[in-house]
C-alpha atoms as a PDB file:
ATOM      1  CA  UNK A   1      15.856  23.308  14.963  1.00  0.00           C
ATOM      2  CA  UNK A   2      19.478  23.706  13.973  1.00  0.00           C
ATOM      3  CA  UNK A   3      21.877  20.808  14.226  1.00  0.00           C
ATOM      4  CA  UNK A   4      23.742  20.528  17.527  1.00  0.00           C
ATOM      5  CA  UNK A   5      27.162  22.109  17.426  1.00  0.00           C
ATOM      6  CA  UNK A   6      30.261  20.915  19.244  1.00  0.00           C
ATOM      7  CA  UNK A   7      30.323  21.729  23.013  1.00  0.00           C
ATOM      8  CA  UNK A   8      33.190  24.152  22.464  1.00  0.00           C
ATOM      9  CA  UNK A   9      30.735  26.309  20.520  1.00  0.00           C
ATOM     10  CA  UNK A  10      28.973  27.318  23.730  1.00  0.00           C
ATOM     11  CA  UNK A  11      32.072  29.018  25.081  1.00  0.00           C
ATOM     12  CA  UNK A  12      32.853  30.568  21.723  1.00  0.00           C
ATOM     13  CA  UNK A  13      29.365  32.033  21.299  1.00  0.00           C
ATOM     14  CA  UNK A  14      29.102  33.209  24.898  1.00  0.00           C
ATOM     15  CA  UNK A  15      32.478  34.905  24.598  1.00  0.00           C
ATOM     16  CA  UNK A  16      31.244  36.586  21.445  1.00  0.00           C
ATOM     17  CA  UNK A  17      28.176  37.831  23.305  1.00  0.00           C
ATOM     18  CA  UNK A  18      30.317  39.491  25.953  1.00  0.00           C
ATOM     19  CA  UNK A  19      31.743  41.603  23.130  1.00  0.00           C
ATOM     20  CA  UNK A  20      28.546  41.893  21.054  1.00  0.00           C
ATOM     21  CA  UNK A  21      25.479  41.245  23.302  1.00  0.00           C
ATOM     22  CA  UNK A  22      23.150  41.590  20.328  1.00  0.00           C
ATOM     23  CA  UNK A  23      24.948  39.252  17.956  1.00  0.00           C
ATOM     24  CA  UNK A  24      22.070  37.528  16.202  1.00  0.00           C
ATOM     25  CA  UNK A  25      24.199  34.625  14.954  1.00  0.00           C
ATOM     26  CA  UNK A  26      25.527  33.802  18.435  1.00  0.00           C
ATOM     27  CA  UNK A  27      22.092  34.084  20.072  1.00  0.00           C
ATOM     28  CA  UNK A  28      20.332  31.809  17.601  1.00  0.00           C
ATOM     29  CA  UNK A  29      23.089  29.215  17.639  1.00  0.00           C
ATOM     30  CA  UNK A  30      23.169  29.138  21.427  1.00  0.00           C
ATOM     31  CA  UNK A  31      19.394  28.681  21.390  1.00  0.00           C
ATOM     32  CA  UNK A  32      19.787  25.682  19.077  1.00  0.00           C
ATOM     33  CA  UNK A  33      22.624  24.192  21.126  1.00  0.00           C
ATOM     34  CA  UNK A  34      20.643  24.367  24.359  1.00  0.00           C
ATOM     35  CA  UNK A  35      17.561  22.993  22.608  1.00  0.00           C
ATOM     36  CA  UNK A  36      19.614  19.984  21.533  1.00  0.00           C
ATOM     37  CA  UNK A  37      20.801  19.639  25.126  1.00  0.00           C
ATOM     38  CA  UNK A  38      17.121  19.581  26.238  1.00  0.00           C
ATOM     39  CA  UNK A  39      17.676  22.753  28.254  1.00  0.00           C
ATOM     40  CA  UNK A  40      14.576  24.398  26.835  1.00  0.00           C
ATOM     41  CA  UNK A  41      14.509  27.318  29.287  1.00  0.00           C
ATOM     42  CA  UNK A  42      17.933  28.458  28.131  1.00  0.00           C
ATOM     43  CA  UNK A  43      16.885  27.864  24.530  1.00  0.00           C
ATOM     44  CA  UNK A  44      13.870  30.141  25.065  1.00  0.00           C
ATOM     45  CA  UNK A  45      16.140  32.769  26.627  1.00  0.00           C
ATOM     46  CA  UNK A  46      18.528  32.931  23.695  1.00  0.00           C
ATOM     47  CA  UNK A  47      15.880  32.647  20.984  1.00  0.00           C
ATOM     48  CA  UNK A  48      13.838  35.367  22.707  1.00  0.00           C
ATOM     49  CA  UNK A  49      16.835  37.672  22.810  1.00  0.00           C
ATOM     50  CA  UNK A  50      17.384  37.041  19.094  1.00  0.00           C
ATOM     51  CA  UNK A  51      13.718  37.709  18.337  1.00  0.00           C
ATOM     52  CA  UNK A  52      13.871  40.901  20.380  1.00  0.00           C
ATOM     53  CA  UNK A  53      16.438  42.363  18.017  1.00  0.00           C
ATOM     54  CA  UNK A  54      13.641  43.109  15.542  1.00  0.00           C
ATOM     55  CA  UNK A  55      14.992  40.826  12.818  1.00  0.00           C
ATOM     56  CA  UNK A  56      12.105  39.189  10.961  1.00  0.00           C
ATOM     57  CA  UNK A  57      13.388  35.630  10.819  1.00  0.00           C
ATOM     58  CA  UNK A  58      11.091  32.628  10.332  1.00  0.00           C
ATOM     59  CA  UNK A  59      13.523  30.168  11.891  1.00  0.00           C
ATOM     60  CA  UNK A  60      13.832  32.146  15.113  1.00  0.00           C
ATOM     61  CA  UNK A  61      10.072  32.245  15.703  1.00  0.00           C
ATOM     62  CA  UNK A  62       9.712  28.605  14.628  1.00  0.00           C
ATOM     63  CA  UNK A  63      12.485  27.462  16.968  1.00  0.00           C
ATOM     64  CA  UNK A  64      11.167  29.635  19.790  1.00  0.00           C
ATOM     65  CA  UNK A  65       7.761  28.044  19.291  1.00  0.00           C
ATOM     66  CA  UNK A  66       9.346  24.593  19.471  1.00  0.00           C
ATOM     67  CA  UNK A  67      11.131  25.453  22.711  1.00  0.00           C
ATOM     68  CA  UNK A  68       7.942  26.788  24.314  1.00  0.00           C
ATOM     69  CA  UNK A  69       6.090  23.672  23.127  1.00  0.00           C
ATOM     70  CA  UNK A  70       8.656  21.462  24.863  1.00  0.00           C
ATOM     71  CA  UNK A  71       8.044  23.449  28.050  1.00  0.00           C
ATOM     72  CA  UNK A  72       4.295  22.893  27.728  1.00  0.00           C
ATOM     73  CA  UNK A  73       3.618  26.569  27.117  1.00  0.00           C
ATOM     74  CA  UNK A  74       0.831  26.317  24.550  1.00  0.00           C
ATOM     75  CA  UNK A  75      -0.019  30.011  24.161  1.00  0.00           C
ATOM     76  CA  UNK A  76       3.574  31.160  23.799  1.00  0.00           C
ATOM     77  CA  UNK A  77       4.366  28.350  21.378  1.00  0.00           C
ATOM     78  CA  UNK A  78       1.341  29.141  19.227  1.00  0.00           C
ATOM     79  CA  UNK A  79       2.051  32.879  19.251  1.00  0.00           C
ATOM     80  CA  UNK A  80       5.530  32.296  17.870  1.00  0.00           C
ATOM     81  CA  UNK A  81       4.372  29.799  15.260  1.00  0.00           C
ATOM     82  CA  UNK A  82       1.823  32.362  14.043  1.00  0.00           C
ATOM     83  CA  UNK A  83       4.573  34.982  13.802  1.00  0.00           C
ATOM     84  CA  UNK A  84       6.575  32.532  11.701  1.00  0.00           C
ATOM     85  CA  UNK A  85       3.572  31.889   9.440  1.00  0.00           C
ATOM     86  CA  UNK A  86       2.977  35.600   8.998  1.00  0.00           C
ATOM     87  CA  UNK A  87       6.478  35.796   7.552  1.00  0.00           C
ATOM     88  CA  UNK A  88       6.189  32.671   5.405  1.00  0.00           C
ATOM     89  CA  UNK A  89       2.755  31.196   4.746  1.00  0.00           C
ATOM     90  CA  UNK A  90       4.269  28.482   2.540  1.00  0.00           C
ATOM     91  CA  UNK A  91       6.422  26.948   5.266  1.00  0.00           C
ATOM     92  CA  UNK A  92       5.128  23.403   5.761  1.00  0.00           C
ATOM     93  CA  UNK A  93       7.326  22.892   8.844  1.00  0.00           C
ATOM     94  CA  UNK A  94       5.412  25.531  10.761  1.00  0.00           C
ATOM     95  CA  UNK A  95       2.039  24.015   9.800  1.00  0.00           C
ATOM     96  CA  UNK A  96       3.390  20.649  10.950  1.00  0.00           C
ATOM     97  CA  UNK A  97       4.549  22.102  14.262  1.00  0.00           C
ATOM     98  CA  UNK A  98       1.137  23.666  14.890  1.00  0.00           C
ATOM     99  CA  UNK A  99      -0.504  20.354  14.045  1.00  0.00           C
ATOM    100  CA  UNK A 100       1.713  18.589  16.557  1.00  0.00           C
ATOM    101  CA  UNK A 101       0.937  21.219  19.180  1.00  0.00           C
ATOM    102  CA  UNK A 102      -2.800  20.774  18.729  1.00  0.00           C
ATOM    103  CA  UNK A 103      -2.361  16.996  18.746  1.00  0.00           C
ATOM    104  CA  UNK A 104      -0.481  17.167  22.049  1.00  0.00           C
ATOM    105  CA  UNK A 105      -3.414  19.088  23.523  1.00  0.00           C
ATOM    106  CA  UNK A 106      -5.920  16.614  22.023  1.00  0.00           C
ATOM    107  CA  UNK A 107      -7.520  19.127  19.683  1.00  0.00           C
ATOM    108  CA  UNK A 108      -7.634  16.619  16.865  1.00  0.00           C
ATOM    109  CA  UNK A 109      -9.806  18.648  14.488  1.00  0.00           C
ATOM    110  CA  UNK A 110      -7.316  21.512  14.425  1.00  0.00           C
ATOM    111  CA  UNK A 111      -4.383  19.100  14.303  1.00  0.00           C
ATOM    112  CA  UNK A 112      -5.914  17.471  11.240  1.00  0.00           C
ATOM    113  CA  UNK A 113      -6.457  20.831   9.554  1.00  0.00           C
ATOM    114  CA  UNK A 114      -2.830  21.873   9.946  1.00  0.00           C
ATOM    115  CA  UNK A 115      -1.383  18.510   8.922  1.00  0.00           C
ATOM    116  CA  UNK A 116      -3.500  18.626   5.775  1.00  0.00           C
ATOM    117  CA  UNK A 117      -2.232  22.147   5.032  1.00  0.00           C
ATOM    118  CA  UNK A 118       1.336  20.935   5.474  1.00  0.00           C
ATOM    119  CA  UNK A 119       0.730  18.050   3.061  1.00  0.00           C
ATOM    120  CA  UNK A 120      -0.784  20.372   0.479  1.00  0.00           C
ATOM    121  CA  UNK A 121       2.425  22.391   0.591  1.00  0.00           C
ATOM    122  CA  UNK A 122       4.706  19.348   0.436  1.00  0.00           C
ATOM    123  CA  UNK A 123       3.257  15.877  -0.049  1.00  0.00           C
ATOM    124  CA  UNK A 124       6.632  14.152   0.213  1.00  0.00           C
ATOM    125  CA  UNK A 125       6.981  14.396   4.006  1.00  0.00           C
ATOM    126  CA  UNK A 126       6.252  10.921   5.351  1.00  0.00           C
ATOM    127  CA  UNK A 127       5.919  12.049   8.984  1.00  0.00           C
ATOM    128  CA  UNK A 128       2.897  14.169   8.130  1.00  0.00           C
ATOM    129  CA  UNK A 129       1.046  11.175   6.701  1.00  0.00           C
ATOM    130  CA  UNK A 130       1.859   9.298   9.896  1.00  0.00           C
ATOM    131  CA  UNK A 131       0.876  12.222  12.155  1.00  0.00           C
ATOM    132  CA  UNK A 132      -2.392  12.688  10.317  1.00  0.00           C
ATOM    133  CA  UNK A 133      -3.093   8.958  10.459  1.00  0.00           C
ATOM    134  CA  UNK A 134      -2.690   8.920  14.238  1.00  0.00           C
ATOM    135  CA  UNK A 135      -5.062  11.881  14.501  1.00  0.00           C
ATOM    136  CA  UNK A 136      -7.656   9.988  12.462  1.00  0.00           C
ATOM    137  CA  UNK A 137      -7.184   6.955  14.724  1.00  0.00           C
ATOM    138  CA  UNK A 138      -8.115   9.191  17.664  1.00  0.00           C
ATOM    139  CA  UNK A 139     -11.241  10.230  15.772  1.00  0.00           C
ATOM    140  CA  UNK A 140     -12.142   6.550  15.103  1.00  0.00           C
ATOM    141  CA  UNK A 141     -11.619   6.976  11.365  1.00  0.00           C
ATOM    142  CA  UNK A 142      -9.582   3.808  11.233  1.00  0.00           C
ATOM    143  CA  UNK A 143      -9.797   2.897   7.572  1.00  0.00           C
ATOM    144  CA  UNK A 144      -8.879   6.419   6.474  1.00  0.00           C
ATOM    145  CA  UNK A 145      -5.939   6.196   8.870  1.00  0.00           C
ATOM    146  CA  UNK A 146      -4.947   2.845   7.374  1.00  0.00           C
ATOM    147  CA  UNK A 147      -4.799   4.358   3.909  1.00  0.00           C
ATOM    148  CA  UNK A 148      -2.546   7.159   5.168  1.00  0.00           C
ATOM    149  CA  UNK A 149      -0.237   4.648   6.835  1.00  0.00           C
ATOM    150  CA  UNK A 150      -0.189   2.761   3.535  1.00  0.00           C
ATOM    151  CA  UNK A 151       0.802   5.961   1.733  1.00  0.00           C
ATOM    152  CA  UNK A 152       3.670   6.432   4.186  1.00  0.00           C
ATOM    153  CA  UNK A 153       4.569   2.774   3.755  1.00  0.00           C
ATOM    154  CA  UNK A 154       4.748   3.167  -0.014  1.00  0.00           C
ATOM    155  CA  UNK A 155       7.471   5.749   0.588  1.00  0.00           C
ATOM    156  CA  UNK A 156       9.340   3.500   3.028  1.00  0.00           C
ATOM    157  CA  UNK A 157       8.340  -0.050   2.043  1.00  0.00           C
ATOM    158  CA  UNK A 158      10.890  -1.725   4.322  1.00  0.00           C
ATOM    159  CA  UNK A 159       9.745   0.085   7.473  1.00  0.00           C
ATOM    160  CA  UNK A 160       8.179  -2.664   9.570  1.00  0.00           C
ATOM    161  CA  UNK A 161       6.682  -0.180  12.023  1.00  0.00           C
ATOM    162  CA  UNK A 162       4.610   1.300   9.207  1.00  0.00           C
ATOM    163  CA  UNK A 163       3.424  -2.169   8.211  1.00  0.00           C
ATOM    164  CA  UNK A 164       2.339  -2.756  11.807  1.00  0.00           C
ATOM    165  CA  UNK A 165       0.685   0.671  12.119  1.00  0.00           C
ATOM    166  CA  UNK A 166      -1.323  -0.115   8.994  1.00  0.00           C
ATOM    167  CA  UNK A 167      -2.301  -3.547  10.282  1.00  0.00           C
ATOM    168  CA  UNK A 168      -3.476  -2.070  13.590  1.00  0.00           C
ATOM    169  CA  UNK A 169      -5.553   0.560  11.791  1.00  0.00           C
ATOM    170  CA  UNK A 170      -7.252  -2.048   9.594  1.00  0.00           C
ATOM    171  CA  UNK A 171      -7.869  -4.206  12.647  1.00  0.00           C
ATOM    172  CA  UNK A 172      -9.419  -1.281  14.540  1.00  0.00           C
ATOM    173  CA  UNK A 173     -11.612  -0.668  11.493  1.00  0.00           C
ATOM    174  CA  UNK A 174     -12.604  -4.366  11.546  1.00  0.00           C
ATOM    175  CA  UNK A 175     -11.147  -5.071   8.126  1.00  0.00           C
ATOM    176  CA  UNK A 176      -9.572  -8.205   9.521  1.00  0.00           C
ATOM    177  CA  UNK A 177      -8.706  -9.714   6.158  1.00  0.00           C
ATOM    178  CA  UNK A 178      -6.429  -6.769   5.322  1.00  0.00           C
ATOM    179  CA  UNK A 179      -5.155  -6.582   8.904  1.00  0.00           C
ATOM    180  CA  UNK A 180      -4.201 -10.244   9.158  1.00  0.00           C
ATOM    181  CA  UNK A 181      -2.275 -10.177   5.887  1.00  0.00           C
ATOM    182  CA  UNK A 182      -0.251  -7.222   7.162  1.00  0.00           C
ATOM    183  CA  UNK A 183       0.355  -8.781  10.565  1.00  0.00           C
ATOM    184  CA  UNK A 184       1.689 -11.872   8.812  1.00  0.00           C
ATOM    185  CA  UNK A 185       3.843  -9.686   6.577  1.00  0.00           C
ATOM    186  CA  UNK A 186       5.267  -7.845   9.572  1.00  0.00           C
ATOM    187  CA  UNK A 187       6.153 -11.087  11.348  1.00  0.00           C
ATOM    188  CA  UNK A 188       7.662 -12.631   8.229  1.00  0.00           C
ATOM    189  CA  UNK A 189       9.767  -9.499   7.749  1.00  0.00           C
ATOM    190  CA  UNK A 190      11.206  -9.881  11.241  1.00  0.00           C
ATOM    191  CA  UNK A 191      10.307 -12.941  13.290  1.00  0.00           C
ATOM    192  CA  UNK A 192      11.806 -11.296  16.399  1.00  0.00           C
ATOM    193  CA  UNK A 193       9.515  -8.283  16.179  1.00  0.00           C
ATOM    194  CA  UNK A 194       7.605  -8.980  19.390  1.00  0.00           C
ATOM    195  CA  UNK A 195       5.260  -5.982  18.912  1.00  0.00           C
ATOM    196  CA  UNK A 196       3.862  -7.648  15.778  1.00  0.00           C
ATOM    197  CA  UNK A 197       3.058 -10.871  17.664  1.00  0.00           C
ATOM    198  CA  UNK A 198       1.463  -8.849  20.453  1.00  0.00           C
ATOM    199  CA  UNK A 199      -0.697  -6.689  18.185  1.00  0.00           C
ATOM    200  CA  UNK A 200      -1.704  -9.665  16.050  1.00  0.00           C
ATOM    201  CA  UNK A 201      -2.728 -11.557  19.184  1.00  0.00           C
ATOM    202  CA  UNK A 202      -4.895  -8.639  20.338  1.00  0.00           C
ATOM    203  CA  UNK A 203      -6.582  -8.550  16.938  1.00  0.00           C
ATOM    204  CA  UNK A 204      -7.161 -12.313  16.867  1.00  0.00           C
ATOM    205  CA  UNK A 205      -8.717 -12.173  20.324  1.00  0.00           C
ATOM    206  CA  UNK A 206     -11.165  -9.591  18.963  1.00  0.00           C
ATOM    207  CA  UNK A 207     -11.825 -12.041  16.101  1.00  0.00           C
ATOM    208  CA  UNK A 208     -12.578 -14.797  18.673  1.00  0.00           C
ATOM    209  CA  UNK A 209      -9.561 -16.811  17.552  1.00  0.00           C
ATOM    210  CA  UNK A 210      -8.360 -17.355  21.106  1.00  0.00           C
ATOM    211  CA  UNK A 211      -6.234 -20.425  20.385  1.00  0.00           C
ATOM    212  CA  UNK A 212      -4.086 -18.578  17.860  1.00  0.00           C
ATOM    213  CA  UNK A 213      -4.021 -15.491  20.078  1.00  0.00           C
ATOM    214  CA  UNK A 214      -2.583 -17.516  22.973  1.00  0.00           C
ATOM    215  CA  UNK A 215       0.101 -18.903  20.678  1.00  0.00           C
ATOM    216  CA  UNK A 216       1.093 -15.405  19.529  1.00  0.00           C
ATOM    217  CA  UNK A 217       1.145 -13.962  23.042  1.00  0.00           C
ATOM    218  CA  UNK A 218       3.506 -16.769  24.020  1.00  0.00           C
ATOM    219  CA  UNK A 219       5.640 -16.051  20.952  1.00  0.00           C
ATOM    220  CA  UNK A 220       5.979 -12.440  22.093  1.00  0.00           C
ATOM    221  CA  UNK A 221       6.906 -13.604  25.597  1.00  0.00           C
ATOM    222  CA  UNK A 222       9.536 -16.007  24.244  1.00  0.00           C
ATOM    223  CA  UNK A 223      11.211 -13.021  22.587  1.00  0.00           C
ATOM    224  CA  UNK A 224      10.693 -10.662  25.542  1.00  0.00           C
ATOM    225  CA  UNK A 225      10.298 -12.654  28.790  1.00  0.00           C
ATOM    226  CA  UNK A 226       9.868  -9.391  30.709  1.00  0.00           C
ATOM    227  CA  UNK A 227       6.901  -8.296  28.579  1.00  0.00           C
ATOM    228  CA  UNK A 228       4.412  -7.713  31.375  1.00  0.00           C
ATOM    229  CA  UNK A 229       1.717  -6.444  29.019  1.00  0.00           C
ATOM    230  CA  UNK A 230       1.625  -9.806  27.239  1.00  0.00           C
ATOM    231  CA  UNK A 231       1.098 -11.640  30.543  1.00  0.00           C
ATOM    232  CA  UNK A 232      -1.633  -9.150  31.452  1.00  0.00           C
ATOM    233  CA  UNK A 233      -3.441  -9.640  28.163  1.00  0.00           C
ATOM    234  CA  UNK A 234      -3.096 -13.405  28.435  1.00  0.00           C
ATOM    235  CA  UNK A 235      -4.624 -13.209  31.892  1.00  0.00           C
ATOM    236  CA  UNK A 236      -7.544 -11.238  30.480  1.00  0.00           C
ATOM    237  CA  UNK A 237      -7.973 -13.793  27.703  1.00  0.00           C
ATOM    238  CA  UNK A 238      -8.050 -16.693  30.164  1.00  0.00           C
ATOM    239  CA  UNK A 239     -10.582 -14.799  32.287  1.00  0.00           C
ATOM    240  CA  UNK A 240     -12.806 -14.419  29.233  1.00  0.00           C
ATOM    241  CA  UNK A 241     -12.615 -18.208  28.827  1.00  0.00           C
ATOM    242  CA  UNK A 242     -13.398 -18.618  32.551  1.00  0.00           C
ATOM    243  CA  UNK A 243     -10.034 -20.288  33.055  1.00  0.00           C
ATOM    244  CA  UNK A 244      -9.409 -18.403  36.248  1.00  0.00           C
ATOM    245  CA  UNK A 245      -6.481 -20.428  37.579  1.00  0.00           C
ATOM    246  CA  UNK A 246      -4.522 -19.731  34.379  1.00  0.00           C
ATOM    247  CA  UNK A 247      -5.488 -16.075  34.641  1.00  0.00           C
ATOM    248  CA  UNK A 248      -4.172 -15.895  38.211  1.00  0.00           C
ATOM    249  CA  UNK A 249      -0.885 -17.434  37.097  1.00  0.00           C
ATOM    250  CA  UNK A 250      -0.385 -14.772  34.425  1.00  0.00           C
ATOM    251  CA  UNK A 251      -1.422 -11.829  36.589  1.00  0.00           C
ATOM    252  CA  UNK A 252       1.068 -12.989  39.219  1.00  0.00           C
ATOM    253  CA  UNK A 253       3.736 -12.991  36.536  1.00  0.00           C
ATOM    254  CA  UNK A 254       2.927  -9.336  35.829  1.00  0.00           C
ATOM    255  CA  UNK A 255       3.505  -8.510  39.499  1.00  0.00           C
ATOM    256  CA  UNK A 256       6.749 -10.471  39.481  1.00  0.00           C
ATOM    257  CA  UNK A 257       7.955  -8.220  36.655  1.00  0.00           C
ATOM    258  CA  UNK A 258       6.275  -5.018  37.896  1.00  0.00           C
ATOM    259  CA  UNK A 259       5.715  -5.154  41.668  1.00  0.00           C
ATOM    260  CA  UNK A 260       4.026  -1.737  41.614  1.00  0.00           C
ATOM    261  CA  UNK A 261       1.445  -2.579  38.948  1.00  0.00           C
ATOM    262  CA  UNK A 262      -1.826  -1.767  40.732  1.00  0.00           C
ATOM    263  CA  UNK A 263      -3.896  -2.945  37.780  1.00  0.00           C
ATOM    264  CA  UNK A 264      -2.472  -6.462  38.088  1.00  0.00           C
ATOM    265  CA  UNK A 265      -3.459  -6.593  41.778  1.00  0.00           C
ATOM    266  CA  UNK A 266      -6.940  -5.321  40.865  1.00  0.00           C
ATOM    267  CA  UNK A 267      -7.349  -7.971  38.187  1.00  0.00           C
ATOM    268  CA  UNK A 268      -6.170 -10.616  40.642  1.00  0.00           C
ATOM    269  CA  UNK A 269      -8.780  -9.342  43.072  1.00  0.00           C
ATOM    270  CA  UNK A 270     -11.451  -9.630  40.399  1.00  0.00           C
ATOM    271  CA  UNK A 271     -10.331 -13.133  39.490  1.00  0.00           C
ATOM    272  CA  UNK A 272     -10.200 -14.391  43.074  1.00  0.00           C
ATOM    273  CA  UNK A 273     -13.683 -12.951  43.550  1.00  0.00           C
ATOM    274  CA  UNK A 274     -14.860 -15.014  40.560  1.00  0.00           C
ATOM    275  CA  UNK A 275     -13.258 -18.045  42.247  1.00  0.00           C
ATOM    276  CA  UNK A 276     -15.225 -17.135  45.419  1.00  0.00           C
ATOM    277  CA  UNK A 277     -11.959 -16.757  47.322  1.00  0.00           C
ATOM    278  CA  UNK A 278     -13.099 -13.476  48.853  1.00  0.00           C
ATOM    279  CA  UNK A 279     -10.443 -13.328  51.532  1.00  0.00           C
ATOM    280  CA  UNK A 280      -7.641 -13.422  48.968  1.00  0.00           C
ATOM    281  CA  UNK A 281      -9.576 -11.009  46.753  1.00  0.00           C
ATOM    282  CA  UNK A 282      -9.696  -8.523  49.644  1.00  0.00           C
ATOM    283  CA  UNK A 283      -5.936  -8.841  50.093  1.00  0.00           C
ATOM    284  CA  UNK A 284      -5.312  -8.179  46.400  1.00  0.00           C
ATOM    285  CA  UNK A 285      -7.585  -5.108  46.346  1.00  0.00           C
ATOM    286  CA  UNK A 286      -5.857  -3.790  49.477  1.00  0.00           C
ATOM    287  CA  UNK A 287      -2.454  -4.067  47.806  1.00  0.00           C
ATOM    288  CA  UNK A 288      -3.821  -2.321  44.713  1.00  0.00           C
ATOM    289  CA  UNK A 289      -5.124   0.550  46.857  1.00  0.00           C
ATOM    290  CA  UNK A 290      -1.790   0.826  48.667  1.00  0.00           C
ATOM    291  CA  UNK A 291      -0.229   1.545  45.271  1.00  0.00           C
ATOM    292  CA  UNK A 292      -3.034   3.550  43.670  1.00  0.00           C
ATOM    293  CA  UNK A 293      -4.068   5.558  46.720  1.00  0.00           C
ATOM    294  CA  UNK A 294      -6.323   8.025  44.865  1.00  0.00           C
ATOM    295  CA  UNK A 295      -8.486   5.434  43.101  1.00  0.00           C
ATOM    296  CA  UNK A 296     -11.920   6.010  44.642  1.00  0.00           C
ATOM    297  CA  UNK A 297     -13.609   3.472  42.364  1.00  0.00           C
ATOM    298  CA  UNK A 298     -11.217   0.785  43.558  1.00  0.00           C
ATOM    299  CA  UNK A 299     -11.867   1.737  47.177  1.00  0.00           C
ATOM    300  CA  UNK A 300     -15.599   1.278  46.583  1.00  0.00           C
ATOM    301  CA  UNK A 301     -15.025  -2.193  45.124  1.00  0.00           C
ATOM    302  CA  UNK A 302     -12.851  -2.990  48.149  1.00  0.00           C
ATOM    303  CA  UNK A 303     -15.617  -1.985  50.559  1.00  0.00           C
ATOM    304  CA  UNK A 304     -18.205  -3.972  48.600  1.00  0.00           C
ATOM    305  CA  UNK A 305     -16.098  -7.136  48.573  1.00  0.00           C
ATOM    306  CA  UNK A 306     -15.462  -6.828  52.318  1.00  0.00           C
ATOM    307  CA  UNK A 307     -19.217  -6.529  52.866  1.00  0.00           C
ATOM    308  CA  UNK A 308     -19.802  -9.562  50.658  1.00  0.00           C
ATOM    309  CA  UNK A 309     -17.201 -11.499  52.661  1.00  0.00           C
ATOM    310  CA  UNK A 310     -18.789 -10.481  55.976  1.00  0.00           C
ATOM    311  CA  UNK A 311     -22.238 -11.469  54.719  1.00  0.00           C
ATOM    312  CA  UNK A 312     -20.963 -14.848  53.548  1.00  0.00           C
ATOM    313  CA  UNK A 313     -19.343 -15.488  56.927  1.00  0.00           C
ATOM    314  CA  UNK A 314     -22.571 -14.518  58.720  1.00  0.00           C
ATOM    315  CA  UNK A 315     -24.557 -16.892  56.499  1.00  0.00           C
ATOM    316  CA  UNK A 316     -22.024 -19.614  57.237  1.00  0.00           C
ATOM    317  CA  UNK A 317     -22.314 -19.003  60.989  1.00  0.00           C
ATOM    318  CA  UNK A 318     -26.135 -19.039  60.785  1.00  0.00           C
ATOM    319  CA  UNK A 319     -26.040 -22.358  58.946  1.00  0.00           C
ATOM    320  CA  UNK A 320     -23.761 -23.869  61.558  1.00  0.00           C
ATOM    321  CA  UNK A 321     -25.987 -22.559  64.357  1.00  0.00           C
ATOM    322  CA  UNK A 322     -29.090 -24.053  62.723  1.00  0.00           C
ATOM    323  CA  UNK A 323     -27.335 -27.381  62.391  1.00  0.00           C
END
């Protein structure tokens, strides 16, 4: 899409259109301006008017496809991308755009095919290595994804996000030796990069190195005290160790940061149930349901825990009666 012009350009181009309603230059530039303003409906309007002039222009169809894609209009976006390809089958940008469209709609096989076509046309575009790597992650081809992230990283060796992407891919592929080296590299490159501590902790938990994982989660929290996800994951870790009181403490911290986090209330319910504090568990599940009103599975758990509580109270009353 064309670079955003100065705001005054809108008035200039619209004035021009009052004189020449079919001015291709004005129509396409107005389309680009409104695209940059995130007004995709107006962008579609102007690009469509330009396309309707019968000028075979790759950029117009490409930009029109982009605008439709932003509006979630898959068929219209694809139709315009295909028109652009029919005019220029060597345009890697169009193949990339189609790949992204398929990726957005979770058709990862087609997304992969178009990203690979784009790379065959121009293998210097780092974003296509990254896009393709994420597609392969979705297809559980983690080590292939790691190698693509590495290729992108070789083009931008100082990009810490690429180092972390690569580490995560190796970790998902259970090549922990390679993953851990990259996690350490990411942290050493920027010791305030909380995402690296968080991802490394998740990986170490999978490697059963819970002590180190706890340390790294706390490192992430020291950098970002409002990092609710770290508290949530720490709570899960403590639950796995059957340290339920510590888990409760961390889940409560999540709620303190995000009062509408239904998952935190659910996990608190689960944890209180493990502690046999069924009355508090019921309260936590009820608060989760109040937030996540359409969660039928949660409602079933709620009913089951109430029944368990009632049964326990009946057993308690029977014991007292027998005594």
